[in-house]
Amino acid sequence: MMPYDTDKTPWLFTPHNDGELDEYFSSDHTKSVAETSRRIIGSLSESRDRLSGKLCYGFNYNQRRYKLTLLQFADIIVRADVTIKKLRKHIMELDIDNRELRKQLTNMERKKKR
């Protein structure tokens, strides 16, 4: 049996040891998302719709590397999802802290008025 060919395959879609996926799903992927987004944007081409004249974007890809391109898209979607969930959790924690601080401030203002 041939070993798994990981040449340019996103890490998520290669074989892993136990525990590696846990680290993947708890890591910060903002840098990777930004880099891949730039590559994707660089692959877009602008054109105009023949009938409406509206701006359209097309994605240029190499047919032989189509599977790899789809894997890269899937990888970036997963990374973006992980990043969004981490940011949402952080925002919720900050909101809870903010509410507690507002309560403390209100209590201090009440005490000061007495």
PDB file of N, CA and C in Angstrom:
ATOM      1  N   MET A   1       0.837  -1.178   0.000  1.00  0.00           N
ATOM      2  CA  MET A   1       0.000   0.000   0.000  1.00  0.00           C
ATOM      3  C   MET A   1       0.885   1.247   0.000  1.00  0.00           C
ATOM      4  N   MET A   2       0.555   2.192  -0.865  1.00  0.00           N
ATOM      5  CA  MET A   2       1.353   3.415  -0.970  1.00  0.00           C
ATOM      6  C   MET A   2       1.052   4.341   0.209  1.00  0.00           C
ATOM      7  N   PRO A   3       2.055   5.066   0.709  1.00  0.00           N
ATOM      8  CA  PRO A   3       1.787   6.018   1.777  1.00  0.00           C
ATOM      9  C   PRO A   3       0.888   7.141   1.268  1.00  0.00           C
ATOM     10  N   TYR A   4       0.203   7.778   2.202  1.00  0.00           N
ATOM     11  CA  TYR A   4      -0.717   8.856   1.855  1.00  0.00           C
ATOM     12  C   TYR A   4       0.057  10.031   1.287  1.00  0.00           C
ATOM     13  N   ASP A   5      -0.317  10.502   0.109  1.00  0.00           N
ATOM     14  CA  ASP A   5       0.345  11.633  -0.535  1.00  0.00           C
ATOM     15  C   ASP A   5      -0.203  12.929   0.050  1.00  0.00           C
ATOM     16  N   THR A   6       0.631  13.637   0.809  1.00  0.00           N
ATOM     17  CA  THR A   6       0.176  14.858   1.468  1.00  0.00           C
ATOM     18  C   THR A   6       0.697  16.108   0.780  1.00  0.00           C
ATOM     19  N   ASP A   7       1.241  15.981  -0.412  1.00  0.00           N
ATOM     20  CA  ASP A   7       1.802  17.133  -1.113  1.00  0.00           C
ATOM     21  C   ASP A   7       0.747  18.215  -1.316  1.00  0.00           C
ATOM     22  N   LYS A   8       0.917  19.338  -0.625  1.00  0.00           N
ATOM     23  CA  LYS A   8       0.051  20.511  -0.709  1.00  0.00           C
ATOM     24  C   LYS A   8      -1.386  20.267  -0.242  1.00  0.00           C
ATOM     25  N   THR A   9      -1.648  19.133   0.366  1.00  0.00           N
ATOM     26  CA  THR A   9      -2.973  18.859   0.905  1.00  0.00           C
ATOM     27  C   THR A   9      -3.103  19.586   2.237  1.00  0.00           C
ATOM     28  N   PRO A  10      -4.211  20.289   2.471  1.00  0.00           N
ATOM     29  CA  PRO A  10      -4.387  20.954   3.763  1.00  0.00           C
ATOM     30  C   PRO A  10      -4.250  19.958   4.915  1.00  0.00           C
ATOM     31  N   TRP A  11      -3.652  20.399   5.987  1.00  0.00           N
ATOM     32  CA  TRP A  11      -3.334  19.527   7.119  1.00  0.00           C
ATOM     33  C   TRP A  11      -4.553  18.774   7.635  1.00  0.00           C
ATOM     34  N   LEU A  12      -5.708  19.412   7.651  1.00  0.00           N
ATOM     35  CA  LEU A  12      -6.918  18.786   8.167  1.00  0.00           C
ATOM     36  C   LEU A  12      -7.246  17.481   7.450  1.00  0.00           C
ATOM     37  N   PHE A  13      -6.874  17.376   6.182  1.00  0.00           N
ATOM     38  CA  PHE A  13      -7.233  16.219   5.370  1.00  0.00           C
ATOM     39  C   PHE A  13      -6.100  15.205   5.234  1.00  0.00           C
ATOM     40  N   THR A  14      -5.108  15.291   6.088  1.00  0.00           N
ATOM     41  CA  THR A  14      -4.019  14.309   6.106  1.00  0.00           C
ATOM     42  C   THR A  14      -4.175  13.433   7.346  1.00  0.00           C
ATOM     43  N   PRO A  15      -3.522  12.272   7.373  1.00  0.00           N
ATOM     44  CA  PRO A  15      -3.631  11.403   8.569  1.00  0.00           C
ATOM     45  C   PRO A  15      -3.061  12.094   9.812  1.00  0.00           C
ATOM     46  N   HIS A  16      -3.675  11.836  10.974  1.00  0.00           N
ATOM     47  CA  HIS A  16      -3.284  12.496  12.223  1.00  0.00           C
ATOM     48  C   HIS A  16      -3.066  11.484  13.333  1.00  0.00           C
ATOM     49  N   ASN A  17      -2.268  11.885  14.291  1.00  0.00           N
ATOM     50  CA  ASN A  17      -2.123  11.128  15.530  1.00  0.00           C
ATOM     51  C   ASN A  17      -3.238  11.524  16.482  1.00  0.00           C
ATOM     52  N   ASP A  18      -3.474  10.706  17.493  1.00  0.00           N
ATOM     53  CA  ASP A  18      -4.497  11.023  18.489  1.00  0.00           C
ATOM     54  C   ASP A  18      -4.172  12.350  19.165  1.00  0.00           C
ATOM     55  N   GLY A  19      -5.164  13.176  19.335  1.00  0.00           N
ATOM     56  CA  GLY A  19      -4.998  14.445  20.031  1.00  0.00           C
ATOM     57  C   GLY A  19      -4.640  15.616  19.138  1.00  0.00           C
ATOM     58  N   GLU A  20      -4.147  15.361  17.945  1.00  0.00           N
ATOM     59  CA  GLU A  20      -3.756  16.463  17.071  1.00  0.00           C
ATOM     60  C   GLU A  20      -4.962  17.290  16.626  1.00  0.00           C
ATOM     61  N   LEU A  21      -6.095  16.631  16.405  1.00  0.00           N
ATOM     62  CA  LEU A  21      -7.284  17.368  15.981  1.00  0.00           C
ATOM     63  C   LEU A  21      -7.810  18.263  17.095  1.00  0.00           C
ATOM     64  N   ASP A  22      -7.673  17.822  18.354  1.00  0.00           N
ATOM     65  CA  ASP A  22      -8.093  18.668  19.475  1.00  0.00           C
ATOM     66  C   ASP A  22      -7.318  19.980  19.462  1.00  0.00           C
ATOM     67  N   GLU A  23      -6.019  19.881  19.219  1.00  0.00           N
ATOM     68  CA  GLU A  23      -5.176  21.074  19.152  1.00  0.00           C
ATOM     69  C   GLU A  23      -5.594  21.946  17.965  1.00  0.00           C
ATOM     70  N   TYR A  24      -5.903  21.308  16.841  1.00  0.00           N
ATOM     71  CA  TYR A  24      -6.326  22.035  15.642  1.00  0.00           C
ATOM     72  C   TYR A  24      -7.582  22.852  15.920  1.00  0.00           C
ATOM     73  N   PHE A  25      -8.557  22.228  16.591  1.00  0.00           N
ATOM     74  CA  PHE A  25      -9.827  22.891  16.818  1.00  0.00           C
ATOM     75  C   PHE A  25      -9.780  23.881  17.987  1.00  0.00           C
ATOM     76  N   SER A  26      -8.675  23.941  18.700  1.00  0.00           N
ATOM     77  CA  SER A  26      -8.556  24.929  19.766  1.00  0.00           C
ATOM     78  C   SER A  26      -7.499  25.985  19.430  1.00  0.00           C
ATOM     79  N   SER A  27      -6.938  25.917  18.234  1.00  0.00           N
ATOM     80  CA  SER A  27      -5.896  26.865  17.820  1.00  0.00           C
ATOM     81  C   SER A  27      -6.499  28.118  17.201  1.00  0.00           C
ATOM     82  N   ASP A  28      -5.669  29.149  17.112  1.00  0.00           N
ATOM     83  CA  ASP A  28      -6.070  30.393  16.465  1.00  0.00           C
ATOM     84  C   ASP A  28      -5.672  30.298  14.993  1.00  0.00           C
ATOM     85  N   HIS A  29      -6.627  30.458  14.104  1.00  0.00           N
ATOM     86  CA  HIS A  29      -6.378  30.297  12.673  1.00  0.00           C
ATOM     87  C   HIS A  29      -6.477  31.610  11.910  1.00  0.00           C
ATOM     88  N   THR A  30      -6.463  32.748  12.592  1.00  0.00           N
ATOM     89  CA  THR A  30      -6.676  34.016  11.907  1.00  0.00           C
ATOM     90  C   THR A  30      -5.617  34.286  10.834  1.00  0.00           C
ATOM     91  N   LYS A  31      -4.357  33.953  11.114  1.00  0.00           N
ATOM     92  CA  LYS A  31      -3.287  34.194  10.134  1.00  0.00           C
ATOM     93  C   LYS A  31      -3.499  33.324   8.900  1.00  0.00           C
ATOM     94  N   SER A  32      -3.807  32.060   9.106  1.00  0.00           N
ATOM     95  CA  SER A  32      -4.024  31.150   7.988  1.00  0.00           C
ATOM     96  C   SER A  32      -5.235  31.561   7.158  1.00  0.00           C
ATOM     97  N   VAL A  33      -6.308  31.984   7.841  1.00  0.00           N
ATOM     98  CA  VAL A  33      -7.515  32.429   7.136  1.00  0.00           C
ATOM     99  C   VAL A  33      -7.183  33.646   6.274  1.00  0.00           C
ATOM    100  N   ALA A  34      -6.429  34.589   6.820  1.00  0.00           N
ATOM    101  CA  ALA A  34      -6.068  35.795   6.072  1.00  0.00           C
ATOM    102  C   ALA A  34      -5.202  35.464   4.860  1.00  0.00           C
ATOM    103  N   GLU A  35      -4.211  34.586   5.033  1.00  0.00           N
ATOM    104  CA  GLU A  35      -3.334  34.211   3.920  1.00  0.00           C
ATOM    105  C   GLU A  35      -4.110  33.503   2.818  1.00  0.00           C
ATOM    106  N   THR A  36      -4.952  32.561   3.186  1.00  0.00           N
ATOM    107  CA  THR A  36      -5.721  31.816   2.194  1.00  0.00           C
ATOM    108  C   THR A  36      -6.731  32.729   1.509  1.00  0.00           C
ATOM    109  N   SER A  37      -7.318  33.630   2.262  1.00  0.00           N
ATOM    110  CA  SER A  37      -8.266  34.577   1.669  1.00  0.00           C
ATOM    111  C   SER A  37      -7.582  35.418   0.597  1.00  0.00           C
ATOM    112  N   ARG A  38      -6.362  35.866   0.877  1.00  0.00           N
ATOM    113  CA  ARG A  38      -5.615  36.645  -0.122  1.00  0.00           C
ATOM    114  C   ARG A  38      -5.365  35.816  -1.375  1.00  0.00           C
ATOM    115  N   ARG A  39      -5.019  34.543  -1.208  1.00  0.00           N
ATOM    116  CA  ARG A  39      -4.793  33.675  -2.373  1.00  0.00           C
ATOM    117  C   ARG A  39      -6.074  33.478  -3.165  1.00  0.00           C
ATOM    118  N   ILE A  40      -7.182  33.303  -2.453  1.00  0.00           N
ATOM    119  CA  ILE A  40      -8.467  33.105  -3.137  1.00  0.00           C
ATOM    120  C   ILE A  40      -8.855  34.368  -3.890  1.00  0.00           C
ATOM    121  N   ILE A  41      -8.720  35.511  -3.243  1.00  0.00           N
ATOM    122  CA  ILE A  41      -9.049  36.778  -3.896  1.00  0.00           C
ATOM    123  C   ILE A  41      -8.158  36.993  -5.114  1.00  0.00           C
ATOM    124  N   GLY A  42      -6.892  36.583  -5.006  1.00  0.00           N
ATOM    125  CA  GLY A  42      -5.970  36.683  -6.130  1.00  0.00           C
ATOM    126  C   GLY A  42      -6.349  35.777  -7.286  1.00  0.00           C
ATOM    127  N   SER A  43      -7.131  34.741  -7.032  1.00  0.00           N
ATOM    128  CA  SER A  43      -7.561  33.810  -8.070  1.00  0.00           C
ATOM    129  C   SER A  43      -8.851  34.240  -8.760  1.00  0.00           C
ATOM    130  N   LEU A  44      -9.468  35.301  -8.243  1.00  0.00           N
ATOM    131  CA  LEU A  44     -10.724  35.767  -8.834  1.00  0.00           C
ATOM    132  C   LEU A  44     -10.450  36.655 -10.039  1.00  0.00           C
ATOM    133  N   SER A  45     -11.337  36.565 -11.006  1.00  0.00           N
ATOM    134  CA  SER A  45     -11.239  37.467 -12.150  1.00  0.00           C
ATOM    135  C   SER A  45     -12.567  38.199 -12.289  1.00  0.00           C
ATOM    136  N   GLU A  46     -12.479  39.473 -12.637  1.00  0.00           N
ATOM    137  CA  GLU A  46     -13.680  40.280 -12.811  1.00  0.00           C
ATOM    138  C   GLU A  46     -14.137  40.210 -14.258  1.00  0.00           C
ATOM    139  N   SER A  47     -15.440  40.211 -14.423  1.00  0.00           N
ATOM    140  CA  SER A  47     -16.019  40.302 -15.755  1.00  0.00           C
ATOM    141  C   SER A  47     -17.390  40.955 -15.622  1.00  0.00           C
ATOM    142  N   ARG A  48     -17.981  41.257 -16.722  1.00  0.00           N
ATOM    143  CA  ARG A  48     -19.308  41.861 -16.732  1.00  0.00           C
ATOM    144  C   ARG A  48     -20.295  40.879 -17.342  1.00  0.00           C
ATOM    145  N   ASP A  49     -21.469  40.811 -16.716  1.00  0.00           N
ATOM    146  CA  ASP A  49     -22.538  39.986 -17.252  1.00  0.00           C
ATOM    147  C   ASP A  49     -22.951  40.560 -18.611  1.00  0.00           C
ATOM    148  N   ARG A  50     -23.122  39.692 -19.606  1.00  0.00           N
ATOM    149  CA  ARG A  50     -23.435  40.165 -20.961  1.00  0.00           C
ATOM    150  C   ARG A  50     -24.764  40.917 -21.030  1.00  0.00           C
ATOM    151  N   LEU A  51     -25.753  40.427 -20.313  1.00  0.00           N
ATOM    152  CA  LEU A  51     -27.082  41.024 -20.421  1.00  0.00           C
ATOM    153  C   LEU A  51     -27.276  42.224 -19.514  1.00  0.00           C
ATOM    154  N   SER A  52     -26.918  42.074 -18.252  1.00  0.00           N
ATOM    155  CA  SER A  52     -27.183  43.150 -17.290  1.00  0.00           C
ATOM    156  C   SER A  52     -26.038  44.147 -17.176  1.00  0.00           C
ATOM    157  N   GLY A  53     -24.844  43.746 -17.534  1.00  0.00           N
ATOM    158  CA  GLY A  53     -23.682  44.614 -17.395  1.00  0.00           C
ATOM    159  C   GLY A  53     -23.155  44.679 -15.977  1.00  0.00           C
ATOM    160  N   LYS A  54     -23.741  43.868 -15.061  1.00  0.00           N
ATOM    161  CA  LYS A  54     -23.302  43.869 -13.670  1.00  0.00           C
ATOM    162  C   LYS A  54     -21.980  43.141 -13.523  1.00  0.00           C
ATOM    163  N   LEU A  55     -21.240  43.557 -12.512  1.00  0.00           N
ATOM    164  CA  LEU A  55     -19.933  42.975 -12.235  1.00  0.00           C
ATOM    165  C   LEU A  55     -20.083  41.551 -11.711  1.00  0.00           C
ATOM    166  N   CYS A  56     -19.283  40.633 -12.218  1.00  0.00           N
ATOM    167  CA  CYS A  56     -19.285  39.232 -11.773  1.00  0.00           C
ATOM    168  C   CYS A  56     -17.843  38.827 -11.475  1.00  0.00           C
ATOM    169  N   TYR A  57     -17.705  37.885 -10.575  1.00  0.00           N
ATOM    170  CA  TYR A  57     -16.385  37.326 -10.299  1.00  0.00           C
ATOM    171  C   TYR A  57     -16.371  35.865 -10.708  1.00  0.00           C
ATOM    172  N   GLY A  58     -15.279  35.455 -11.294  1.00  0.00           N
ATOM    173  CA  GLY A  58     -15.086  34.054 -11.642  1.00  0.00           C
ATOM    174  C   GLY A  58     -13.861  33.551 -10.914  1.00  0.00           C
ATOM    175  N   PHE A  59     -13.846  32.263 -10.630  1.00  0.00           N
ATOM    176  CA  PHE A  59     -12.700  31.679  -9.939  1.00  0.00           C
ATOM    177  C   PHE A  59     -11.851  30.917 -10.943  1.00  0.00           C
ATOM    178  N   ASN A  60     -10.581  31.294 -11.047  1.00  0.00           N
ATOM    179  CA  ASN A  60      -9.662  30.621 -11.966  1.00  0.00           C
ATOM    180  C   ASN A  60      -8.947  29.501 -11.233  1.00  0.00           C
ATOM    181  N   TYR A  61      -9.033  28.317 -11.744  1.00  0.00           N
ATOM    182  CA  TYR A  61      -8.358  27.192 -11.122  1.00  0.00           C
ATOM    183  C   TYR A  61      -7.807  26.267 -12.190  1.00  0.00           C
ATOM    184  N   ASN A  62      -6.802  25.536 -11.810  1.00  0.00           N
ATOM    185  CA  ASN A  62      -6.182  24.557 -12.684  1.00  0.00           C
ATOM    186  C   ASN A  62      -6.987  23.259 -12.568  1.00  0.00           C
ATOM    187  N   GLN A  63      -7.506  22.765 -13.661  1.00  0.00           N
ATOM    188  CA  GLN A  63      -8.372  21.590 -13.627  1.00  0.00           C
ATOM    189  C   GLN A  63      -7.697  20.395 -12.951  1.00  0.00           C
ATOM    190  N   ARG A  64      -6.399  20.219 -13.168  1.00  0.00           N
ATOM    191  CA  ARG A  64      -5.705  19.071 -12.556  1.00  0.00           C
ATOM    192  C   ARG A  64      -5.614  19.212 -11.049  1.00  0.00           C
ATOM    193  N   ARG A  65      -5.633  20.423 -10.551  1.00  0.00           N
ATOM    194  CA  ARG A  65      -5.517  20.658  -9.114  1.00  0.00           C
ATOM    195  C   ARG A  65      -6.869  20.974  -8.485  1.00  0.00           C
ATOM    196  N   TYR A  66      -7.961  20.669  -9.180  1.00  0.00           N
ATOM    197  CA  TYR A  66      -9.302  21.031  -8.711  1.00  0.00           C
ATOM    198  C   TYR A  66      -9.614  20.420  -7.347  1.00  0.00           C
ATOM    199  N   LYS A  67      -9.279  19.135  -7.147  1.00  0.00           N
ATOM    200  CA  LYS A  67      -9.549  18.488  -5.865  1.00  0.00           C
ATOM    201  C   LYS A  67      -8.792  19.193  -4.742  1.00  0.00           C
ATOM    202  N   LEU A  68      -7.544  19.513  -4.990  1.00  0.00           N
ATOM    203  CA  LEU A  68      -6.747  20.217  -3.992  1.00  0.00           C
ATOM    204  C   LEU A  68      -7.368  21.584  -3.676  1.00  0.00           C
ATOM    205  N   THR A  69      -7.831  22.286  -4.695  1.00  0.00           N
ATOM    206  CA  THR A  69      -8.470  23.584  -4.488  1.00  0.00           C
ATOM    207  C   THR A  69      -9.709  23.438  -3.622  1.00  0.00           C
ATOM    208  N   LEU A  70     -10.520  22.437  -3.888  1.00  0.00           N
ATOM    209  CA  LEU A  70     -11.713  22.204  -3.069  1.00  0.00           C
ATOM    210  C   LEU A  70     -11.340  21.868  -1.630  1.00  0.00           C
ATOM    211  N   LEU A  71     -10.283  21.077  -1.441  1.00  0.00           N
ATOM    212  CA  LEU A  71      -9.827  20.760  -0.086  1.00  0.00           C
ATOM    213  C   LEU A  71      -9.349  22.021   0.631  1.00  0.00           C
ATOM    214  N   GLN A  72      -8.684  22.899  -0.097  1.00  0.00           N
ATOM    215  CA  GLN A  72      -8.225  24.154   0.512  1.00  0.00           C
ATOM    216  C   GLN A  72      -9.419  25.013   0.924  1.00  0.00           C
ATOM    217  N   PHE A  73     -10.437  25.066   0.081  1.00  0.00           N
ATOM    218  CA  PHE A  73     -11.647  25.809   0.447  1.00  0.00           C
ATOM    219  C   PHE A  73     -12.303  25.204   1.686  1.00  0.00           C
ATOM    220  N   ALA A  74     -12.427  23.887   1.698  1.00  0.00           N
ATOM    221  CA  ALA A  74     -13.042  23.230   2.856  1.00  0.00           C
ATOM    222  C   ALA A  74     -12.224  23.508   4.112  1.00  0.00           C
ATOM    223  N   ASP A  75     -10.899  23.459   3.994  1.00  0.00           N
ATOM    224  CA  ASP A  75     -10.020  23.717   5.133  1.00  0.00           C
ATOM    225  C   ASP A  75     -10.207  25.139   5.652  1.00  0.00           C
ATOM    226  N   ILE A  76     -10.265  26.104   4.748  1.00  0.00           N
ATOM    227  CA  ILE A  76     -10.390  27.490   5.193  1.00  0.00           C
ATOM    228  C   ILE A  76     -11.757  27.736   5.806  1.00  0.00           C
ATOM    229  N   ILE A  77     -12.780  27.060   5.314  1.00  0.00           N
ATOM    230  CA  ILE A  77     -14.113  27.206   5.907  1.00  0.00           C
ATOM    231  C   ILE A  77     -14.108  26.673   7.336  1.00  0.00           C
ATOM    232  N   VAL A  78     -13.472  25.530   7.544  1.00  0.00           N
ATOM    233  CA  VAL A  78     -13.392  24.963   8.893  1.00  0.00           C
ATOM    234  C   VAL A  78     -12.587  25.887   9.803  1.00  0.00           C
ATOM    235  N   ARG A  79     -11.451  26.376   9.308  1.00  0.00           N
ATOM    236  CA  ARG A  79     -10.619  27.285  10.112  1.00  0.00           C
ATOM    237  C   ARG A  79     -11.380  28.565  10.464  1.00  0.00           C
ATOM    238  N   ALA A  80     -12.095  29.109   9.496  1.00  0.00           N
ATOM    239  CA  ALA A  80     -12.866  30.325   9.754  1.00  0.00           C
ATOM    240  C   ALA A  80     -13.955  30.048  10.785  1.00  0.00           C
ATOM    241  N   ASP A  81     -14.592  28.892  10.679  1.00  0.00           N
ATOM    242  CA  ASP A  81     -15.633  28.531  11.635  1.00  0.00           C
ATOM    243  C   ASP A  81     -15.064  28.415  13.047  1.00  0.00           C
ATOM    244  N   VAL A  82     -13.902  27.774  13.165  1.00  0.00           N
ATOM    245  CA  VAL A  82     -13.250  27.642  14.472  1.00  0.00           C
ATOM    246  C   VAL A  82     -12.911  29.026  15.021  1.00  0.00           C
ATOM    247  N   THR A  83     -12.385  29.891  14.175  1.00  0.00           N
ATOM    248  CA  THR A  83     -12.015  31.239  14.600  1.00  0.00           C
ATOM    249  C   THR A  83     -13.241  32.032  15.026  1.00  0.00           C
ATOM    250  N   ILE A  84     -14.319  31.939  14.264  1.00  0.00           N
ATOM    251  CA  ILE A  84     -15.557  32.650  14.604  1.00  0.00           C
ATOM    252  C   ILE A  84     -16.094  32.180  15.950  1.00  0.00           C
ATOM    253  N   LYS A  85     -16.067  30.879  16.183  1.00  0.00           N
ATOM    254  CA  LYS A  85     -16.567  30.347  17.457  1.00  0.00           C
ATOM    255  C   LYS A  85     -15.714  30.828  18.619  1.00  0.00           C
ATOM    256  N   LYS A  86     -14.392  30.869  18.425  1.00  0.00           N
ATOM    257  CA  LYS A  86     -13.513  31.357  19.484  1.00  0.00           C
ATOM    258  C   LYS A  86     -13.773  32.839  19.754  1.00  0.00           C
ATOM    259  N   LEU A  87     -13.943  33.622  18.697  1.00  0.00           N
ATOM    260  CA  LEU A  87     -14.220  35.048  18.870  1.00  0.00           C
ATOM    261  C   LEU A  87     -15.566  35.268  19.546  1.00  0.00           C
ATOM    262  N   ARG A  88     -16.571  34.501  19.146  1.00  0.00           N
ATOM    263  CA  ARG A  88     -17.893  34.632  19.760  1.00  0.00           C
ATOM    264  C   ARG A  88     -17.814  34.318  21.257  1.00  0.00           C
ATOM    265  N   LYS A  89     -17.084  33.268  21.603  1.00  0.00           N
ATOM    266  CA  LYS A  89     -16.936  32.899  23.013  1.00  0.00           C
ATOM    267  C   LYS A  89     -16.241  34.022  23.780  1.00  0.00           C
ATOM    268  N   HIS A  90     -15.198  34.588  23.183  1.00  0.00           N
ATOM    269  CA  HIS A  90     -14.464  35.676  23.827  1.00  0.00           C
ATOM    270  C   HIS A  90     -15.356  36.901  24.005  1.00  0.00           C
ATOM    271  N   ILE A  91     -16.144  37.231  22.994  1.00  0.00           N
ATOM    272  CA  ILE A  91     -17.053  38.376  23.089  1.00  0.00           C
ATOM    273  C   ILE A  91     -18.083  38.148  24.183  1.00  0.00           C
ATOM    274  N   MET A  92     -18.611  36.934  24.275  1.00  0.00           N
ATOM    275  CA  MET A  92     -19.589  36.628  25.323  1.00  0.00           C
ATOM    276  C   MET A  92     -18.961  36.767  26.710  1.00  0.00           C
ATOM    277  N   GLU A  93     -17.719  36.308  26.859  1.00  0.00           N
ATOM    278  CA  GLU A  93     -17.031  36.450  28.142  1.00  0.00           C
ATOM    279  C   GLU A  93     -16.829  37.926  28.488  1.00  0.00           C
ATOM    280  N   LEU A  94     -16.441  38.707  27.501  1.00  0.00           N
ATOM    281  CA  LEU A  94     -16.257  40.149  27.733  1.00  0.00           C
ATOM    282  C   LEU A  94     -17.583  40.820  28.081  1.00  0.00           C
ATOM    283  N   ASP A  95     -18.655  40.382  27.441  1.00  0.00           N
ATOM    284  CA  ASP A  95     -19.974  40.945  27.731  1.00  0.00           C
ATOM    285  C   ASP A  95     -20.388  40.639  29.169  1.00  0.00           C
ATOM    286  N   ILE A  96     -20.130  39.418  29.611  1.00  0.00           N
ATOM    287  CA  ILE A  96     -20.441  39.048  31.000  1.00  0.00           C
ATOM    288  C   ILE A  96     -19.622  39.901  31.967  1.00  0.00           C
ATOM    289  N   ASP A  97     -18.332  40.045  31.680  1.00  0.00           N
ATOM    290  CA  ASP A  97     -17.471  40.885  32.526  1.00  0.00           C
ATOM    291  C   ASP A  97     -17.974  42.324  32.540  1.00  0.00           C
ATOM    292  N   ASN A  98     -18.382  42.807  31.364  1.00  0.00           N
ATOM    293  CA  ASN A  98     -18.866  44.178  31.248  1.00  0.00           C
ATOM    294  C   ASN A  98     -20.130  44.383  32.084  1.00  0.00           C
ATOM    295  N   ARG A  99     -21.039  43.421  32.053  1.00  0.00           N
ATOM    296  CA  ARG A  99     -22.266  43.514  32.862  1.00  0.00           C
ATOM    297  C   ARG A  99     -21.937  43.559  34.346  1.00  0.00           C
ATOM    298  N   GLU A 100     -21.017  42.703  34.766  1.00  0.00           N
ATOM    299  CA  GLU A 100     -20.627  42.674  36.172  1.00  0.00           C
ATOM    300  C   GLU A 100     -20.003  44.007  36.588  1.00  0.00           C
ATOM    301  N   LEU A 101     -19.171  44.567  35.724  1.00  0.00           N
ATOM    302  CA  LEU A 101     -18.550  45.861  36.037  1.00  0.00           C
ATOM    303  C   LEU A 101     -19.597  46.973  36.106  1.00  0.00           C
ATOM    304  N   ARG A 102     -20.591  46.926  35.209  1.00  0.00           N
ATOM    305  CA  ARG A 102     -21.665  47.923  35.256  1.00  0.00           C
ATOM    306  C   ARG A 102     -22.457  47.813  36.556  1.00  0.00           C
ATOM    307  N   LYS A 103     -22.724  46.593  37.005  1.00  0.00           N
ATOM    308  CA  LYS A 103     -23.437  46.394  38.278  1.00  0.00           C
ATOM    309  C   LYS A 103     -22.631  46.965  39.436  1.00  0.00           C
ATOM    310  N   GLN A 104     -21.329  46.678  39.440  1.00  0.00           N
ATOM    311  CA  GLN A 104     -20.470  47.199  40.493  1.00  0.00           C
ATOM    312  C   GLN A 104     -20.444  48.721  40.475  1.00  0.00           C
ATOM    313  N   LEU A 105     -20.380  49.299  39.293  1.00  0.00           N
ATOM    314  CA  LEU A 105     -20.366  50.756  39.166  1.00  0.00           C
ATOM    315  C   LEU A 105     -21.681  51.347  39.664  1.00  0.00           C
ATOM    316  N   THR A 106     -22.790  50.737  39.299  1.00  0.00           N
ATOM    317  CA  THR A 106     -24.101  51.207  39.773  1.00  0.00           C
ATOM    318  C   THR A 106     -24.181  51.132  41.287  1.00  0.00           C
ATOM    319  N   ASN A 107     -23.717  50.031  41.864  1.00  0.00           N
ATOM    320  CA  ASN A 107     -23.717  49.881  43.327  1.00  0.00           C
ATOM    321  C   ASN A 107     -22.843  50.934  43.992  1.00  0.00           C
ATOM    322  N   MET A 108     -21.682  51.212  43.415  1.00  0.00           N
ATOM    323  CA  MET A 108     -20.786  52.220  43.976  1.00  0.00           C
ATOM    324  C   MET A 108     -21.411  53.609  43.898  1.00  0.00           C
ATOM    325  N   GLU A 109     -22.111  53.902  42.797  1.00  0.00           N
ATOM    326  CA  GLU A 109     -22.766  55.196  42.657  1.00  0.00           C
ATOM    327  C   GLU A 109     -23.893  55.353  43.669  1.00  0.00           C
ATOM    328  N   ARG A 110     -24.631  54.282  43.913  1.00  0.00           N
ATOM    329  CA  ARG A 110     -25.703  54.309  44.929  1.00  0.00           C
ATOM    330  C   ARG A 110     -25.120  54.580  46.313  1.00  0.00           C
ATOM    331  N   LYS A 111     -24.029  53.873  46.645  1.00  0.00           N
ATOM    332  CA  LYS A 111     -23.389  54.072  47.944  1.00  0.00           C
ATOM    333  C   LYS A 111     -22.873  55.488  48.097  1.00  0.00           C
ATOM    334  N   LYS A 112     -22.363  56.044  47.018  1.00  0.00           N
ATOM    335  CA  LYS A 112     -21.794  57.391  47.050  1.00  0.00           C
ATOM    336  C   LYS A 112     -22.885  58.428  47.315  1.00  0.00           C
ATOM    337  N   LYS A 113     -24.089  58.212  46.768  1.00  0.00           N
ATOM    338  CA  LYS A 113     -25.208  59.146  46.936  1.00  0.00           C
ATOM    339  C   LYS A 113     -25.719  59.129  48.376  1.00  0.00           C
ATOM    340  N   ARG A 114     -25.554  58.061  49.094  1.00  0.00           N
ATOM    341  CA  ARG A 114     -26.048  57.942  50.488  1.00  0.00           C
ATOM    342  C   ARG A 114     -25.211  58.736  51.375  1.00  0.00           C
TER     343      ARG A 114
END
